[in-house]
Amino acid sequence: MTPAEVQAIVEAEIGDDWSLSNLHHVDLRTSVVRPPRPLTVVDASGDQESDVWLVLEEHPGGPGYAVVYSESDEAFGLVQMAIGYDPCLFGIYGGFLDAFRAM
């Protein structure tokens, strides 16, 4: 899958409603990663690594939550980004908006 293909999936789910926000008041216009980029994450136990696509950062370039796309699951998940630690995948939630709202 290419970054453009992943970006198209994200943008199709958002549609024309770029004003959507969540409990963390994340602005889609500034937080969606363009183009999506590869990211290696660990599961919550720290035992298993997965390669995913980073598609949204709560605080671009900084610590916080992120939304990723898993090609193997064909679904979106929620990740915690912390300084000094590997990105930690909390779980796969389904659609982009499902993961976005799970923050």
N, C-alpha and C. Protein backbone atom coordinates (compact mmCIF):
# COMPACT_ATOMS: atom_id res chain seq x y z
N MET A 1 0.85 -1.17 0.00
CA MET A 1 0.00 0.00 0.00
C MET A 1 0.89 1.24 0.00
N THR A 2 0.47 2.28 -0.66
CA THR A 2 1.24 3.51 -0.75
C THR A 2 0.68 4.56 0.22
N PRO A 3 1.48 5.58 0.54
CA PRO A 3 0.95 6.66 1.38
C PRO A 3 -0.31 7.30 0.78
N ALA A 4 -0.33 7.46 -0.54
CA ALA A 4 -1.50 8.07 -1.19
C ALA A 4 -2.75 7.22 -1.01
N GLU A 5 -2.61 5.90 -1.06
CA GLU A 5 -3.76 5.02 -0.86
C GLU A 5 -4.29 5.11 0.57
N VAL A 6 -3.39 5.16 1.53
CA VAL A 6 -3.80 5.29 2.93
C VAL A 6 -4.46 6.64 3.15
N GLN A 7 -3.88 7.69 2.61
CA GLN A 7 -4.45 9.03 2.74
C GLN A 7 -5.85 9.09 2.15
N ALA A 8 -6.07 8.40 1.03
CA ALA A 8 -7.39 8.39 0.40
C ALA A 8 -8.43 7.72 1.32
N ILE A 9 -8.04 6.67 2.04
CA ILE A 9 -8.95 6.00 2.97
C ILE A 9 -9.35 6.97 4.09
N VAL A 10 -8.36 7.66 4.65
CA VAL A 10 -8.62 8.62 5.73
C VAL A 10 -9.54 9.73 5.24
N GLU A 11 -9.21 10.31 4.12
CA GLU A 11 -9.99 11.44 3.61
C GLU A 11 -11.40 11.02 3.21
N ALA A 12 -11.58 9.79 2.75
CA ALA A 12 -12.93 9.29 2.42
C ALA A 12 -13.78 9.18 3.68
N GLU A 13 -13.19 8.76 4.79
CA GLU A 13 -13.96 8.65 6.04
C GLU A 13 -14.31 10.02 6.60
N ILE A 14 -13.41 10.98 6.47
CA ILE A 14 -13.69 12.33 6.96
C ILE A 14 -14.72 13.01 6.07
N GLY A 15 -14.63 12.75 4.78
CA GLY A 15 -15.55 13.39 3.84
C GLY A 15 -15.38 14.89 3.84
N ASP A 16 -16.48 15.61 3.93
CA ASP A 16 -16.44 17.07 3.93
C ASP A 16 -16.48 17.65 5.34
N ASP A 17 -16.44 16.79 6.35
CA ASP A 17 -16.62 17.27 7.73
C ASP A 17 -15.29 17.40 8.47
N TRP A 18 -14.44 18.30 7.98
CA TRP A 18 -13.13 18.53 8.60
C TRP A 18 -13.26 19.32 9.90
N SER A 19 -14.46 19.73 10.25
CA SER A 19 -14.66 20.45 11.51
C SER A 19 -14.89 19.50 12.69
N LEU A 20 -14.96 18.20 12.43
CA LEU A 20 -15.13 17.22 13.51
C LEU A 20 -14.01 17.37 14.53
N SER A 21 -14.35 17.12 15.79
CA SER A 21 -13.36 17.11 16.85
C SER A 21 -13.68 15.96 17.78
N ASN A 22 -12.90 15.80 18.85
CA ASN A 22 -13.13 14.73 19.82
C ASN A 22 -12.98 15.29 21.23
N LEU A 23 -12.96 14.42 22.23
CA LEU A 23 -12.87 14.88 23.61
C LEU A 23 -11.57 15.62 23.90
N HIS A 24 -10.54 15.40 23.09
CA HIS A 24 -9.25 16.08 23.27
C HIS A 24 -9.16 17.35 22.42
N HIS A 25 -10.25 17.71 21.76
CA HIS A 25 -10.32 18.93 20.93
C HIS A 25 -9.29 18.93 19.81
N VAL A 26 -9.07 17.76 19.21
CA VAL A 26 -8.11 17.64 18.12
C VAL A 26 -8.71 18.23 16.85
N ASP A 27 -7.94 19.05 16.17
CA ASP A 27 -8.33 19.68 14.91
C ASP A 27 -7.82 18.81 13.76
N LEU A 28 -8.73 18.23 13.00
CA LEU A 28 -8.34 17.36 11.89
C LEU A 28 -7.45 18.08 10.88
N ARG A 29 -7.72 19.36 10.64
CA ARG A 29 -6.97 20.10 9.62
C ARG A 29 -5.47 20.15 9.93
N THR A 30 -5.13 20.22 11.21
CA THR A 30 -3.72 20.34 11.58
C THR A 30 -3.11 19.03 12.07
N SER A 31 -3.95 18.05 12.39
CA SER A 31 -3.45 16.82 13.00
C SER A 31 -3.33 15.62 12.05
N VAL A 32 -4.05 15.65 10.93
CA VAL A 32 -3.93 14.55 9.97
C VAL A 32 -2.54 14.62 9.34
N VAL A 33 -1.86 13.51 9.31
CA VAL A 33 -0.49 13.43 8.78
C VAL A 33 -0.56 13.28 7.26
N ARG A 34 0.07 14.22 6.55
CA ARG A 34 0.08 14.19 5.09
C ARG A 34 1.51 14.31 4.60
N PRO A 35 1.99 13.34 3.88
CA PRO A 35 1.38 12.03 3.65
C PRO A 35 1.57 11.13 4.88
N PRO A 36 0.72 10.11 5.00
CA PRO A 36 0.91 9.14 6.09
C PRO A 36 2.32 8.55 6.01
N ARG A 37 2.86 8.19 7.17
CA ARG A 37 4.23 7.63 7.16
C ARG A 37 4.29 6.33 7.95
N PRO A 38 5.20 5.45 7.55
CA PRO A 38 5.34 4.17 8.25
C PRO A 38 5.78 4.38 9.70
N LEU A 39 5.30 3.50 10.58
CA LEU A 39 5.63 3.57 11.99
C LEU A 39 5.62 2.15 12.54
N THR A 40 6.60 1.82 13.35
CA THR A 40 6.62 0.53 14.05
C THR A 40 6.13 0.77 15.47
N VAL A 41 5.15 -0.02 15.89
CA VAL A 41 4.56 0.11 17.22
C VAL A 41 4.71 -1.21 17.97
N VAL A 42 4.62 -1.14 19.29
CA VAL A 42 4.57 -2.36 20.11
C VAL A 42 3.19 -2.46 20.72
N ASP A 43 2.76 -3.70 21.01
CA ASP A 43 1.47 -3.85 21.68
C ASP A 43 1.62 -3.46 23.15
N ALA A 44 0.52 -3.38 23.86
CA ALA A 44 0.53 -2.88 25.24
C ALA A 44 1.41 -3.73 26.16
N SER A 45 1.60 -5.00 25.84
CA SER A 45 2.46 -5.85 26.66
C SER A 45 3.93 -5.64 26.33
N GLY A 46 4.21 -4.99 25.18
CA GLY A 46 5.58 -4.76 24.75
C GLY A 46 6.21 -5.97 24.09
N ASP A 47 5.42 -7.01 23.86
CA ASP A 47 5.95 -8.27 23.32
C ASP A 47 5.97 -8.34 21.79
N GLN A 48 5.06 -7.64 21.14
CA GLN A 48 4.92 -7.82 19.69
C GLN A 48 4.98 -6.48 18.98
N GLU A 49 5.79 -6.43 17.92
CA GLU A 49 5.88 -5.24 17.08
C GLU A 49 4.98 -5.39 15.86
N SER A 50 4.48 -4.26 15.37
CA SER A 50 3.67 -4.23 14.16
C SER A 50 4.07 -3.01 13.35
N ASP A 51 4.02 -3.15 12.05
CA ASP A 51 4.26 -2.02 11.16
C ASP A 51 2.91 -1.47 10.73
N VAL A 52 2.72 -0.17 10.92
CA VAL A 52 1.46 0.50 10.62
C VAL A 52 1.77 1.82 9.91
N TRP A 53 0.72 2.54 9.57
CA TRP A 53 0.85 3.86 8.97
C TRP A 53 0.35 4.90 9.98
N LEU A 54 1.16 5.90 10.26
CA LEU A 54 0.76 7.01 11.11
C LEU A 54 -0.10 7.96 10.28
N VAL A 55 -1.36 8.19 10.72
CA VAL A 55 -2.27 9.01 9.93
C VAL A 55 -2.76 10.26 10.67
N LEU A 56 -2.60 10.30 12.01
CA LEU A 56 -3.02 11.47 12.77
C LEU A 56 -2.20 11.54 14.05
N GLU A 57 -1.78 12.74 14.41
CA GLU A 57 -1.07 12.97 15.67
C GLU A 57 -1.85 14.01 16.47
N GLU A 58 -2.17 13.66 17.72
CA GLU A 58 -2.88 14.60 18.60
C GLU A 58 -2.09 15.91 18.72
N HIS A 59 -0.80 15.80 18.98
CA HIS A 59 0.10 16.95 19.06
C HIS A 59 1.22 16.70 18.05
N PRO A 60 1.05 17.21 16.81
CA PRO A 60 2.03 16.92 15.76
C PRO A 60 3.48 17.11 16.22
N GLY A 61 4.25 16.02 16.09
CA GLY A 61 5.67 16.05 16.43
C GLY A 61 5.96 15.86 17.91
N GLY A 62 4.93 15.74 18.74
CA GLY A 62 5.16 15.64 20.17
C GLY A 62 4.47 14.42 20.77
N PRO A 63 4.55 14.29 22.10
CA PRO A 63 3.90 13.17 22.75
C PRO A 63 2.38 13.34 22.74
N GLY A 64 1.68 12.24 22.90
CA GLY A 64 0.22 12.26 22.92
C GLY A 64 -0.32 11.04 22.20
N TYR A 65 -1.58 11.08 21.88
CA TYR A 65 -2.21 9.99 21.15
C TYR A 65 -2.01 10.16 19.65
N ALA A 66 -2.12 9.03 18.95
CA ALA A 66 -2.04 9.04 17.49
C ALA A 66 -2.99 7.98 16.95
N VAL A 67 -3.42 8.18 15.73
CA VAL A 67 -4.23 7.18 15.03
C VAL A 67 -3.35 6.59 13.94
N VAL A 68 -3.41 5.27 13.83
CA VAL A 68 -2.62 4.55 12.83
C VAL A 68 -3.53 3.67 12.00
N TYR A 69 -3.04 3.31 10.81
CA TYR A 69 -3.76 2.37 9.95
C TYR A 69 -2.95 1.09 9.85
N SER A 70 -3.60 -0.03 10.14
CA SER A 70 -2.97 -1.34 10.03
C SER A 70 -3.43 -2.01 8.74
N GLU A 71 -2.49 -2.21 7.84
CA GLU A 71 -2.83 -2.90 6.59
C GLU A 71 -3.29 -4.32 6.86
N SER A 72 -2.64 -5.00 7.79
CA SER A 72 -2.98 -6.41 8.05
C SER A 72 -4.38 -6.55 8.61
N ASP A 73 -4.85 -5.57 9.38
CA ASP A 73 -6.21 -5.61 9.94
C ASP A 73 -7.21 -4.86 9.07
N GLU A 74 -6.70 -4.08 8.12
CA GLU A 74 -7.53 -3.20 7.31
C GLU A 74 -8.42 -2.34 8.20
N ALA A 75 -7.80 -1.78 9.26
CA ALA A 75 -8.53 -0.99 10.24
C ALA A 75 -7.59 -0.01 10.92
N PHE A 76 -8.18 0.91 11.67
CA PHE A 76 -7.44 1.95 12.36
C PHE A 76 -7.33 1.63 13.84
N GLY A 77 -6.23 2.09 14.44
CA GLY A 77 -6.00 1.86 15.85
C GLY A 77 -5.52 3.10 16.55
N LEU A 78 -5.43 3.00 17.87
CA LEU A 78 -5.01 4.11 18.71
C LEU A 78 -3.66 3.79 19.34
N VAL A 79 -2.76 4.76 19.29
CA VAL A 79 -1.39 4.60 19.77
C VAL A 79 -1.07 5.73 20.75
N GLN A 80 -0.26 5.40 21.76
CA GLN A 80 0.28 6.42 22.66
C GLN A 80 1.72 6.71 22.23
N MET A 81 2.02 7.96 21.98
CA MET A 81 3.36 8.40 21.62
C MET A 81 3.96 9.06 22.86
N ALA A 82 5.08 8.53 23.35
CA ALA A 82 5.72 9.09 24.54
C ALA A 82 7.21 9.24 24.29
N ILE A 83 7.79 10.28 24.83
CA ILE A 83 9.22 10.53 24.67
C ILE A 83 10.00 9.45 25.41
N GLY A 84 10.95 8.83 24.71
CA GLY A 84 11.80 7.81 25.32
C GLY A 84 11.22 6.40 25.30
N TYR A 85 10.05 6.23 24.70
CA TYR A 85 9.42 4.91 24.64
C TYR A 85 8.97 4.63 23.21
N ASP A 86 8.87 3.33 22.89
CA ASP A 86 8.32 2.96 21.59
C ASP A 86 6.84 3.32 21.56
N PRO A 87 6.31 3.72 20.39
CA PRO A 87 4.88 3.97 20.30
C PRO A 87 4.11 2.69 20.69
N CYS A 88 3.10 2.85 21.55
CA CYS A 88 2.36 1.71 22.10
C CYS A 88 0.95 1.65 21.51
N LEU A 89 0.65 0.54 20.86
CA LEU A 89 -0.67 0.32 20.27
C LEU A 89 -1.64 -0.17 21.34
N PHE A 90 -2.68 0.62 21.61
CA PHE A 90 -3.69 0.23 22.59
C PHE A 90 -4.69 -0.76 22.02
N GLY A 91 -5.01 -0.59 20.74
CA GLY A 91 -5.98 -1.50 20.13
C GLY A 91 -6.41 -1.02 18.77
N ILE A 92 -7.08 -1.91 18.07
CA ILE A 92 -7.65 -1.62 16.75
C ILE A 92 -9.13 -1.36 16.94
N TYR A 93 -9.61 -0.26 16.39
CA TYR A 93 -10.99 0.18 16.64
C TYR A 93 -11.91 0.10 15.44
N GLY A 94 -11.41 -0.19 14.26
CA GLY A 94 -12.26 -0.23 13.07
C GLY A 94 -11.96 0.93 12.16
N GLY A 95 -12.93 1.81 11.99
CA GLY A 95 -12.78 2.95 11.10
C GLY A 95 -11.94 4.07 11.70
N PHE A 96 -11.52 4.99 10.84
CA PHE A 96 -10.73 6.14 11.27
C PHE A 96 -11.47 6.92 12.35
N LEU A 97 -12.73 7.22 12.10
CA LEU A 97 -13.49 8.03 13.06
C LEU A 97 -13.70 7.29 14.38
N ASP A 98 -13.79 5.96 14.34
CA ASP A 98 -13.89 5.18 15.57
C ASP A 98 -12.64 5.37 16.43
N ALA A 99 -11.48 5.25 15.81
CA ALA A 99 -10.21 5.43 16.54
C ALA A 99 -10.06 6.88 17.00
N PHE A 100 -10.43 7.83 16.15
CA PHE A 100 -10.34 9.25 16.48
C PHE A 100 -11.19 9.58 17.70
N ARG A 101 -12.38 9.05 17.75
CA ARG A 101 -13.28 9.31 18.88
C ARG A 101 -12.88 8.56 20.14
N ALA A 102 -12.08 7.49 19.99
CA ALA A 102 -11.65 6.69 21.14
C ALA A 102 -10.55 7.39 21.94
N MET A 103 -9.98 8.46 21.40
CA MET A 103 -8.91 9.19 22.10
C MET A 103 -9.39 9.68 23.44
